[in-house]
Protein backbone atom coordinates (compact mmCIF):
# COMPACT_ATOMS: atom_id res chain seq x y z
CA MET A 1 -117.18 111.56 -38.24
CA ALA A 2 -114.03 109.66 -37.25
CA GLU A 3 -111.41 109.18 -39.93
CA ALA A 4 -110.11 105.70 -40.65
CA VAL A 5 -106.73 105.06 -39.09
CA VAL A 6 -104.10 103.97 -41.60
CA GLU A 7 -101.84 101.29 -40.18
CA THR A 8 -98.14 101.87 -40.60
CA SER A 9 -95.06 99.76 -40.04
CA PHE A 10 -91.36 100.38 -39.46
CA MET A 11 -90.81 98.42 -42.70
CA ASP A 12 -92.84 100.84 -44.84
CA PRO A 13 -89.71 102.38 -46.48
CA PHE A 14 -88.92 98.91 -47.86
CA LYS A 15 -92.49 97.93 -48.72
CA ASP A 16 -92.21 98.45 -52.49
CA ILE A 17 -89.09 96.29 -52.75
CA LEU A 18 -90.50 93.52 -50.55
CA VAL A 19 -93.87 93.42 -52.32
CA ASN A 20 -92.41 93.58 -55.82
CA TYR A 21 -89.74 90.92 -55.35
CA LEU A 22 -90.29 88.80 -52.25
CA MET A 23 -93.92 88.56 -51.15
CA PRO A 24 -97.49 89.59 -52.05
CA GLU A 25 -98.98 92.57 -50.21
CA LYS A 26 -101.23 90.37 -48.08
CA CYS A 27 -98.13 88.67 -46.66
CA TYR A 28 -96.49 92.04 -45.99
CA ASP A 29 -99.58 92.95 -43.96
CA GLU A 30 -99.47 89.63 -42.09
CA PHE A 31 -95.79 89.97 -41.20
CA PHE A 32 -95.34 93.68 -40.53
CA LEU A 33 -98.80 94.98 -39.63
CA GLN A 34 -100.35 92.02 -37.86
CA PHE A 35 -96.96 90.64 -36.74
CA ASN A 36 -98.13 87.16 -37.63
CA LEU A 37 -94.64 85.84 -38.41
CA LEU A 38 -95.77 82.20 -38.43
CA HIS A 39 -98.34 82.50 -41.22
CA VAL A 40 -97.74 79.18 -43.01
CA ASP A 41 -98.79 80.11 -46.55
CA CYS A 42 -96.77 83.34 -46.50
CA LEU A 43 -93.73 81.58 -45.07
CA LYS A 44 -93.86 79.11 -47.96
CA ILE A 45 -93.97 81.95 -50.47
CA VAL A 46 -91.06 83.82 -48.87
CA ILE A 47 -88.93 80.67 -48.54
CA SER A 48 -89.61 79.77 -52.17
CA LYS A 49 -88.75 83.27 -53.34
CA GLY A 50 -85.66 83.33 -51.15
CA LEU A 51 -84.45 80.04 -52.57
CA GLY A 52 -85.03 81.33 -56.07
CA ILE A 53 -82.93 84.41 -55.33
CA GLY A 54 -80.23 82.29 -53.74
CA ILE A 55 -80.18 79.86 -56.65
CA ILE A 56 -79.63 82.67 -59.14
CA LEU A 57 -77.57 85.17 -57.14
CA GLY A 58 -75.47 82.31 -55.85
CA SER A 59 -74.06 82.03 -59.35
CA VAL A 60 -71.68 84.85 -58.52
CA LEU A 61 -69.77 82.42 -56.31
CA GLY A 62 -70.39 79.42 -58.51
CA MET A 63 -73.76 78.62 -57.02
CA LYS A 64 -76.76 77.63 -59.02
CA THR A 65 -78.68 80.24 -60.88
CA PRO A 66 -80.16 83.26 -59.34
CA THR A 67 -83.30 84.87 -60.47
CA PHE A 68 -84.10 88.09 -58.66
CA ILE A 69 -87.50 87.02 -57.74
CA PHE A 70 -90.46 88.41 -59.54
CA THR A 71 -93.57 86.44 -60.21
CA THR A 72 -94.96 87.91 -63.37
CA HIS A 73 -93.81 88.73 -66.84
CA LYS A 74 -96.46 91.42 -67.17
CA ASN A 75 -94.38 94.05 -65.37
CA PRO A 76 -91.74 95.08 -67.93
CA ASN A 77 -89.75 97.04 -65.32
CA ASN A 78 -89.37 93.99 -63.10
CA PHE A 79 -88.57 91.80 -66.08
CA LEU A 80 -85.86 94.13 -67.37
CA LEU A 81 -84.39 94.50 -63.89
CA THR A 82 -84.21 90.75 -63.53
CA LEU A 83 -82.51 90.35 -66.90
CA MET A 84 -80.02 93.11 -66.10
CA LEU A 85 -79.14 91.54 -62.77
CA CYS A 86 -78.87 88.04 -64.18
CA ALA A 87 -76.77 89.20 -67.13
CA CYS A 88 -74.13 90.37 -64.65
CA LEU A 89 -73.94 86.99 -62.97
CA PHE A 90 -72.05 83.82 -63.60
CA THR A 91 -73.59 80.40 -63.32
CA VAL A 92 -72.85 77.23 -61.51
CA LYS A 93 -70.74 75.87 -64.35
CA LEU A 94 -68.29 78.75 -64.38
CA PRO A 95 -65.80 76.80 -62.21
CA GLN A 96 -66.02 73.93 -64.71
CA ILE A 97 -65.30 76.23 -67.65
CA LEU A 98 -62.38 77.86 -65.88
CA LYS A 99 -60.95 74.45 -64.98
CA LEU A 100 -61.10 73.30 -68.61
CA ILE A 101 -59.46 76.48 -69.86
CA GLY A 102 -56.81 76.35 -67.15
CA ALA A 103 -55.92 72.72 -67.86
CA LYS A 104 -56.34 73.14 -71.62
CA SER A 105 -57.88 69.68 -71.48
CA ALA A 106 -61.36 68.18 -71.27
CA GLU A 107 -60.17 64.74 -70.20
CA GLY A 108 -62.83 62.80 -68.34
CA LEU A 109 -65.80 64.78 -69.67
CA SER A 110 -68.25 63.01 -71.94
CA PHE A 111 -69.53 65.01 -74.92
CA ASN A 112 -72.54 62.69 -75.24
CA SER A 113 -73.42 63.40 -71.62
CA VAL A 114 -73.23 67.13 -72.33
CA LEU A 115 -75.55 66.75 -75.34
CA LEU A 116 -78.18 64.93 -73.28
CA GLU A 117 -77.92 67.49 -70.49
CA LEU A 118 -78.31 70.27 -73.03
CA PHE A 119 -81.43 68.60 -74.40
CA ALA A 120 -82.92 68.43 -70.90
CA ILE A 121 -82.07 72.07 -70.09
CA THR A 122 -83.50 73.28 -73.41
CA GLY A 123 -86.68 71.28 -72.85
CA THR A 124 -87.19 72.82 -69.40
CA MET A 125 -86.61 76.34 -70.72
CA ALA A 126 -88.92 75.93 -73.72
CA TYR A 127 -91.65 74.25 -71.64
CA SER A 128 -91.53 77.01 -69.00
CA ILE A 129 -91.74 79.77 -71.60
CA ALA A 130 -94.61 78.02 -73.40
CA ASN A 131 -96.54 77.79 -70.12
CA SER A 132 -95.70 81.36 -69.02
CA PHE A 133 -94.13 80.20 -65.77
CA PRO A 134 -92.48 82.97 -63.69
CA PHE A 135 -88.84 83.52 -64.60
CA SER A 136 -87.89 82.86 -60.99
CA SER A 137 -88.96 79.23 -61.40
CA TRP A 138 -86.78 78.45 -64.41
CA GLY A 139 -84.33 81.33 -64.93
CA GLU A 140 -81.26 79.22 -64.21
CA ALA A 141 -82.02 77.08 -67.26
CA LEU A 142 -81.08 80.02 -69.50
CA PHE A 143 -77.69 80.44 -67.86
CA LEU A 144 -77.05 76.70 -67.58
CA MET A 145 -77.78 76.41 -71.28
CA LEU A 146 -75.21 79.07 -72.18
CA GLN A 147 -72.58 77.48 -69.94
CA THR A 148 -73.31 73.93 -71.11
CA VAL A 149 -72.99 74.97 -74.76
CA THR A 150 -69.63 76.53 -73.91
CA ILE A 151 -68.47 73.33 -72.22
CA GLY A 152 -69.57 71.29 -75.24
CA PHE A 153 -67.51 73.51 -77.52
CA LEU A 154 -64.47 73.32 -75.22
CA ILE A 155 -64.63 69.51 -75.16
CA GLN A 156 -64.44 69.49 -78.96
CA HIS A 157 -61.82 72.25 -79.09
CA TYR A 158 -59.43 70.62 -76.64
CA GLY A 159 -60.04 67.29 -78.33
CA GLY A 160 -58.59 68.73 -81.54
CA ASN A 161 -61.97 69.16 -83.25
CA THR A 162 -62.46 72.93 -83.24
CA ILE A 163 -64.34 72.93 -86.58
CA LYS A 164 -66.71 70.28 -85.23
CA GLY A 165 -67.18 72.42 -82.13
CA LEU A 166 -68.13 75.46 -84.21
CA GLY A 167 -70.56 73.31 -86.19
CA PHE A 168 -72.09 72.14 -82.92
CA LEU A 169 -72.65 75.77 -81.85
CA ALA A 170 -74.26 76.69 -85.18
CA VAL A 171 -76.59 73.68 -85.25
CA TYR A 172 -77.68 74.15 -81.63
CA CYS A 173 -78.42 77.86 -82.05
CA GLY A 174 -80.52 77.08 -85.12
CA LEU A 175 -82.50 74.36 -83.35
CA LEU A 176 -83.00 76.56 -80.28
CA ALA A 177 -84.46 79.34 -82.43
CA VAL A 178 -86.94 76.89 -83.93
CA VAL A 179 -87.95 75.35 -80.58
CA LEU A 180 -88.59 78.75 -78.99
CA SER A 181 -90.51 80.10 -81.99
CA PRO A 182 -94.31 79.91 -82.44
CA VAL A 183 -93.69 77.40 -85.25
CA THR A 184 -93.08 74.62 -82.70
CA PRO A 185 -96.38 73.20 -81.32
CA VAL A 186 -96.84 73.16 -77.53
CA SER A 187 -97.29 69.39 -77.72
CA VAL A 188 -93.74 69.03 -79.05
CA VAL A 189 -92.36 71.19 -76.23
CA THR A 190 -94.31 69.13 -73.66
CA THR A 191 -92.88 65.94 -75.15
CA MET A 192 -89.38 67.40 -74.82
CA GLN A 193 -90.01 68.16 -71.15
CA ALA A 194 -91.38 64.66 -70.57
CA SER A 195 -88.25 63.27 -72.24
CA ASN A 196 -86.05 65.13 -69.78
CA MET A 197 -86.09 62.30 -67.27
CA PRO A 198 -84.56 59.63 -69.53
CA ALA A 199 -82.20 62.26 -70.99
CA ILE A 200 -80.96 63.25 -67.53
CA ILE A 201 -80.64 59.63 -66.40
CA PHE A 202 -78.76 58.45 -69.47
CA GLY A 203 -76.62 61.59 -69.57
CA ARG A 204 -75.51 61.13 -65.97
CA LEU A 205 -75.05 57.39 -66.40
CA ILE A 206 -72.76 58.03 -69.37
CA GLN A 207 -70.67 60.45 -67.28
CA ALA A 208 -70.68 58.07 -64.30
CA GLY A 209 -69.58 55.23 -66.58
CA THR A 210 -66.78 57.38 -67.99
CA ASN A 211 -65.60 58.17 -64.46
CA TYR A 212 -65.68 54.50 -63.50
CA ARG A 213 -63.73 53.35 -66.57
CA ASN A 214 -61.13 56.07 -66.10
CA GLY A 215 -60.78 55.49 -62.39
CA HIS A 216 -60.97 59.26 -61.80
CA THR A 217 -63.24 62.21 -62.56
CA GLY A 218 -60.74 63.93 -64.84
CA GLN A 219 -61.38 67.65 -65.29
CA LEU A 220 -64.81 67.60 -63.64
CA SER A 221 -65.09 70.56 -61.28
CA ALA A 222 -66.03 69.48 -57.74
CA ILE A 223 -67.47 72.95 -57.07
CA SER A 224 -69.80 72.77 -60.08
CA VAL A 225 -70.86 69.20 -59.28
CA PHE A 226 -71.75 69.90 -55.64
CA LEU A 227 -73.54 73.16 -56.41
CA LEU A 228 -75.54 71.54 -59.21
CA PHE A 229 -76.62 68.91 -56.69
CA ALA A 230 -77.59 71.50 -54.07
CA GLY A 231 -79.32 73.71 -56.64
CA SER A 232 -81.43 70.89 -58.07
CA LEU A 233 -82.56 69.96 -54.54
CA ALA A 234 -83.62 73.55 -53.88
CA ARG A 235 -85.44 73.67 -57.21
CA ILE A 236 -87.76 70.84 -56.15
CA PHE A 237 -89.27 73.11 -53.51
CA THR A 238 -89.43 76.26 -55.61
CA THR A 239 -91.02 74.39 -58.54
CA VAL A 240 -93.77 72.91 -56.37
CA GLN A 241 -94.38 76.26 -54.68
CA GLU A 242 -94.31 78.54 -57.73
CA THR A 243 -95.65 76.42 -60.58
CA GLY A 244 -97.37 73.41 -59.04
CA ASP A 245 -96.28 71.50 -62.15
CA SER A 246 -95.69 67.85 -61.26
CA LEU A 247 -93.77 67.14 -64.49
CA MET A 248 -91.15 69.78 -63.68
CA ALA A 249 -91.00 68.70 -60.03
CA VAL A 250 -90.34 65.06 -60.95
CA THR A 251 -87.69 66.22 -63.43
CA TYR A 252 -85.83 68.04 -60.65
CA ILE A 253 -86.16 65.05 -58.31
CA ILE A 254 -84.57 62.78 -60.92
CA SER A 255 -81.95 65.43 -61.64
CA SER A 256 -81.08 65.65 -57.94
CA PHE A 257 -80.59 61.90 -57.67
CA CYS A 258 -78.37 61.76 -60.77
CA ASN A 259 -76.34 64.77 -59.66
CA GLY A 260 -75.94 63.03 -56.31
CA VAL A 261 -74.40 59.99 -58.02
CA ILE A 262 -71.78 62.17 -59.74
CA ALA A 263 -71.12 64.03 -56.48
CA ALA A 264 -70.54 60.70 -54.73
CA GLN A 265 -68.03 59.72 -57.42
CA VAL A 266 -66.18 63.00 -56.98
CA LEU A 267 -65.77 62.17 -53.29
CA TYR A 268 -64.81 58.56 -53.99
CA TYR A 269 -62.16 59.49 -56.55
CA TRP A 270 -61.04 62.58 -54.64
CA ASN A 271 -57.41 61.46 -54.37
CA SER A 272 -57.26 60.09 -57.91
CA SER A 273 -56.15 62.18 -60.86
CA PRO A 274 -55.35 61.46 -64.51
CA ALA A 275 -51.62 61.93 -63.90
CA LEU A 276 -51.61 59.72 -60.80
CA ARG A 277 -53.62 57.05 -62.56
CA LYS A 278 -51.19 56.93 -65.51
CA LYS A 279 -48.22 56.78 -63.14
CA THR A 280 -49.77 53.86 -61.28
CA GLU A 281 -50.37 51.96 -64.51
């Protein structure tokens, strides 16, 4: 009786890594056993996972959030590995934070805009956790939240309101604990996510209005602005591919447009600075 022949591939030594983090086993078979490199569904999965990794790992260089792609929270080893990797990374707003600290000024940044952005980020994070979406589809929200809170505090600190900044941190941490706890109904979290669109729009409009009135973008970091824009564009694809949630997809579409407006202002006011503006006046 003939024994069944087990198919092997030159990629077998890397199979565990590829299957755990980048593609399902059926796609591994398609690519490396059947050599069907143009399998549409598998290409979509790999591209989505790759973008997710790039979004999160790109944080090291100031890019938007990386999440070392895994698609389930049920594997504690994968989950812990992802958290360990992400904890070592910076996020897209690191250049902005460094610029504020270096200049010891937050001129040109709107605190109200930061608050609205923080509301939107928190809503996305809470909504994703409530719906058990894979971390790779929303992981950057965690890091963006931490960085945005830091920027909010720095705006108050360099504005001479350090006590108010500390109060802001305490209040936000308290509210975040409540929102992420089982006490908060899913309907409330869904409403927060639905409110993201107006929050993002008004938040960006406030910042755009501040830039226009000042005639410059102040201490806004061009690196952070452009990478936020690129990251939100990439997130449209990964959200559709990994969650299929239209509410989150529309949120990222609106976010991309608004980030594009700020990016356009950065280019328009490229040669303008607070010091040059004051000298001209």
